[in-house]
Amino acid sequence: MTSIRPIAAGFQEGETVVLARGTYQGTEGVFLHLREDPAWADIQESAGVIRSHPVAWLDHSARTAAL
């Protein structure tokens, strides 16, 4: 089960986020957790693909804000 607890920059495990910067700008995914280096986070993208991205590139998804 996913816990709902604040992590970094106001992101929570299970929250929908969007890549606001970088090569994959506009990609939505689910925030999973920070990496060992807290400047990086694992995001589950569409089709279940898990990738690491810099936390500085993440933003809250408009879909999450609408909930």
C-alpha atoms as a PDB file:
ATOM      1  CA  MET A   1       0.000   0.000   0.000  1.00  0.00           C
ATOM      2  CA  THR A   2       1.214   3.473  -0.807  1.00  0.00           C
ATOM      3  CA  SER A   3       1.574   5.838   2.104  1.00  0.00           C
ATOM      4  CA  ILE A   4       0.501   9.444   1.778  1.00  0.00           C
ATOM      5  CA  ARG A   5       3.273  11.486   3.323  1.00  0.00           C
ATOM      6  CA  PRO A   6       5.083  14.655   2.212  1.00  0.00           C
ATOM      7  CA  ILE A   7       8.426  13.981   0.552  1.00  0.00           C
ATOM      8  CA  ALA A   8      10.137  16.873  -1.217  1.00  0.00           C
ATOM      9  CA  ALA A   9       8.975  20.188  -2.616  1.00  0.00           C
ATOM     10  CA  GLY A  10       5.457  19.319  -1.490  1.00  0.00           C
ATOM     11  CA  PHE A  11       5.217  16.066  -3.484  1.00  0.00           C
ATOM     12  CA  GLN A  12       3.556  13.012  -1.953  1.00  0.00           C
ATOM     13  CA  GLU A  13       3.901   9.343  -2.846  1.00  0.00           C
ATOM     14  CA  GLY A  14       1.129   8.453  -5.286  1.00  0.00           C
ATOM     15  CA  GLU A  15       0.578  12.051  -6.430  1.00  0.00           C
ATOM     16  CA  THR A  16       0.178  12.758 -10.149  1.00  0.00           C
ATOM     17  CA  VAL A  17       3.008  14.989 -11.351  1.00  0.00           C
ATOM     18  CA  VAL A  18       4.113  16.425 -14.671  1.00  0.00           C
ATOM     19  CA  LEU A  19       7.587  17.011 -16.060  1.00  0.00           C
ATOM     20  CA  ALA A  20       7.630  20.798 -16.425  1.00  0.00           C
ATOM     21  CA  ARG A  21      11.193  20.958 -17.782  1.00  0.00           C
ATOM     22  CA  GLY A  22      13.660  18.732 -19.564  1.00  0.00           C
ATOM     23  CA  THR A  23      13.580  16.448 -22.571  1.00  0.00           C
ATOM     24  CA  TYR A  24      10.254  14.807 -21.690  1.00  0.00           C
ATOM     25  CA  GLN A  25       8.449  18.051 -20.825  1.00  0.00           C
ATOM     26  CA  GLY A  26       4.678  17.522 -20.508  1.00  0.00           C
ATOM     27  CA  THR A  27       4.943  13.856 -19.508  1.00  0.00           C
ATOM     28  CA  GLU A  28       2.589  12.932 -16.670  1.00  0.00           C
ATOM     29  CA  GLY A  29       3.366  10.280 -14.127  1.00  0.00           C
ATOM     30  CA  VAL A  30       2.948   9.167 -10.537  1.00  0.00           C
ATOM     31  CA  PHE A  31       5.496  10.276  -7.947  1.00  0.00           C
ATOM     32  CA  LEU A  32       6.897   7.124  -6.311  1.00  0.00           C
ATOM     33  CA  HIS A  33       9.800   8.224  -4.099  1.00  0.00           C
ATOM     34  CA  LEU A  34      13.080  10.084  -3.930  1.00  0.00           C
ATOM     35  CA  ARG A  35      16.267   8.340  -4.984  1.00  0.00           C
ATOM     36  CA  GLU A  36      19.307   8.010  -2.709  1.00  0.00           C
ATOM     37  CA  ASP A  37      20.282  11.419  -4.104  1.00  0.00           C
ATOM     38  CA  PRO A  38      17.279  13.527  -2.982  1.00  0.00           C
ATOM     39  CA  ALA A  39      17.628  15.738  -6.055  1.00  0.00           C
ATOM     40  CA  TRP A  40      16.227  12.801  -8.110  1.00  0.00           C
ATOM     41  CA  ALA A  41      12.874  11.012  -7.937  1.00  0.00           C
ATOM     42  CA  ASP A  42      11.368   7.875  -9.459  1.00  0.00           C
ATOM     43  CA  ILE A  43       8.219   8.510 -11.478  1.00  0.00           C
ATOM     44  CA  GLN A  44       5.926   5.854 -12.896  1.00  0.00           C
ATOM     45  CA  GLU A  45       5.037   7.004 -16.390  1.00  0.00           C
ATOM     46  CA  SER A  46       2.352   5.653 -18.696  1.00  0.00           C
ATOM     47  CA  ALA A  47       2.412   1.930 -19.468  1.00  0.00           C
ATOM     48  CA  GLY A  48       4.016   1.369 -16.055  1.00  0.00           C
ATOM     49  CA  VAL A  49       7.496   2.521 -17.086  1.00  0.00           C
ATOM     50  CA  ILE A  50       9.507   3.790 -14.082  1.00  0.00           C
ATOM     51  CA  ARG A  51      12.132   6.439 -14.767  1.00  0.00           C
ATOM     52  CA  SER A  52      14.240   8.771 -12.659  1.00  0.00           C
ATOM     53  CA  HIS A  53      14.017  12.526 -13.177  1.00  0.00           C
ATOM     54  CA  PRO A  54      15.445  15.549 -11.366  1.00  0.00           C
ATOM     55  CA  VAL A  55      12.993  16.811  -8.735  1.00  0.00           C
ATOM     56  CA  ALA A  56      13.610  20.334 -10.073  1.00  0.00           C
ATOM     57  CA  TRP A  57      11.885  19.272 -13.320  1.00  0.00           C
ATOM     58  CA  LEU A  58       8.689  18.143 -11.569  1.00  0.00           C
ATOM     59  CA  ASP A  59       5.541  20.142 -11.024  1.00  0.00           C
ATOM     60  CA  HIS A  60       2.128  19.336  -9.606  1.00  0.00           C
ATOM     61  CA  SER A  61      -0.258  18.073 -12.280  1.00  0.00           C
ATOM     62  CA  ALA A  62      -3.333  20.134 -13.093  1.00  0.00           C
ATOM     63  CA  ARG A  63      -5.273  16.869 -12.688  1.00  0.00           C
ATOM     64  CA  THR A  64      -4.094  16.580  -9.045  1.00  0.00           C
ATOM     65  CA  ALA A  65      -4.903  20.246  -8.382  1.00  0.00           C
ATOM     66  CA  ALA A  66      -8.459  19.701  -9.643  1.00  0.00           C
ATOM     67  CA  LEU A  67      -9.140  16.924  -7.073  1.00  0.00           C
END
